[in-house]
């Protein structure tokens, strides 16, 4: 279950009194039973908050109500933006409702922990959706463990997941399914001890210790740092690179974004440590991989940045319909530049000119 309740201010002001701990028990119980008229998104958030209520009766009622939310309320809410805590709450409540779970599992904001919880409990069809998300498998190994523990996991799906794990450098020697996959893939070599000397974390720690031994000239140290990290990244398995993408610094992410493996690239751009400045730089790149561009365009927070929008419109890799959809957000000065820019598609420059004329009351550009 989510570690804590959402803040009450995520609800509309008119709905906050129904989750306020100081409100009457009867008031909170009405909301826990979904008897208070409010938008679907607020209703679900209210249930998540009330599931943490100090009164057991309120908390248990909110959980039971969430398990039985009608599809006509739940589906529209899941198609919109929801906080990770709400997606986790619903994911744990909706085991046994595969159509709704699919929307949760396809949402990039759903926490990895939710996937691990569901991996142990869902039917095989839903398990296939979980298993197909290879980036999450490498980022959060408990998902793999959950698939292994689930009695609904078929032999073919289990083999597929563990073969992928072995080939990607994941180490789970305590699991019989992992050992079987190693024997399938490595043959006799599977009986030899694993020869890897460092994990991703160990490599980084060793890197820091090596640099600390030589502090004579700062420029030489920085050069050695770049060179050494590049070499160590080349030595890493896919699994280790994904861990580094989540925990490493900007220099590590820059290297990983150029990795030939698409899963590594995706992990780097989705790193919780990546900054808006890095995203701005990526959208300005003419060599950015198409999938990375799509991930950025799907991220609501990054798309709030004006400079990201400007860069995307000017980037030849951005699909024309997307660029045109962003044009109304542009300032007049940027529209003027786009209307004269021969490096953008004609459809984009023409639409920029039309919008500029509308803003200027029909006058010339």
Foldseek 3Di string as FASTA:
>chain_A
DQPAADPLVVADPVCSLLLDLPHDPVSVQCLLLVVDDDQLLRSLSSLRSQLPHPDPVSNVSSLVNLLVPDPVSQVVNLVDDDAQSSLLSSLVSPAVPLVSNLSSLVDPRHDLVSLLVVLQGHAQVSVVSSLVPVLSCLQPVSNLVSVVNHPRNDPVSNLVSLLVCVQQPHDDPVDPSNLVSLCVVVPPCSPPDDPDDDALVRLVVVLVVVLVVDDPDPVVSVVVSLVSLLVVCVVHGNSRLLNCLQPPDPSSLVSQCPDPDVSSVVSNLPHPPDDLVVLLVLLQDQPRDLVSVVVQVPDPVSVVDPSSLLSNLLHQSRDPVSNLVSLVVDDLVSLVVLLPDPSGDPVNNVSSQVVNCVVVVNDHD
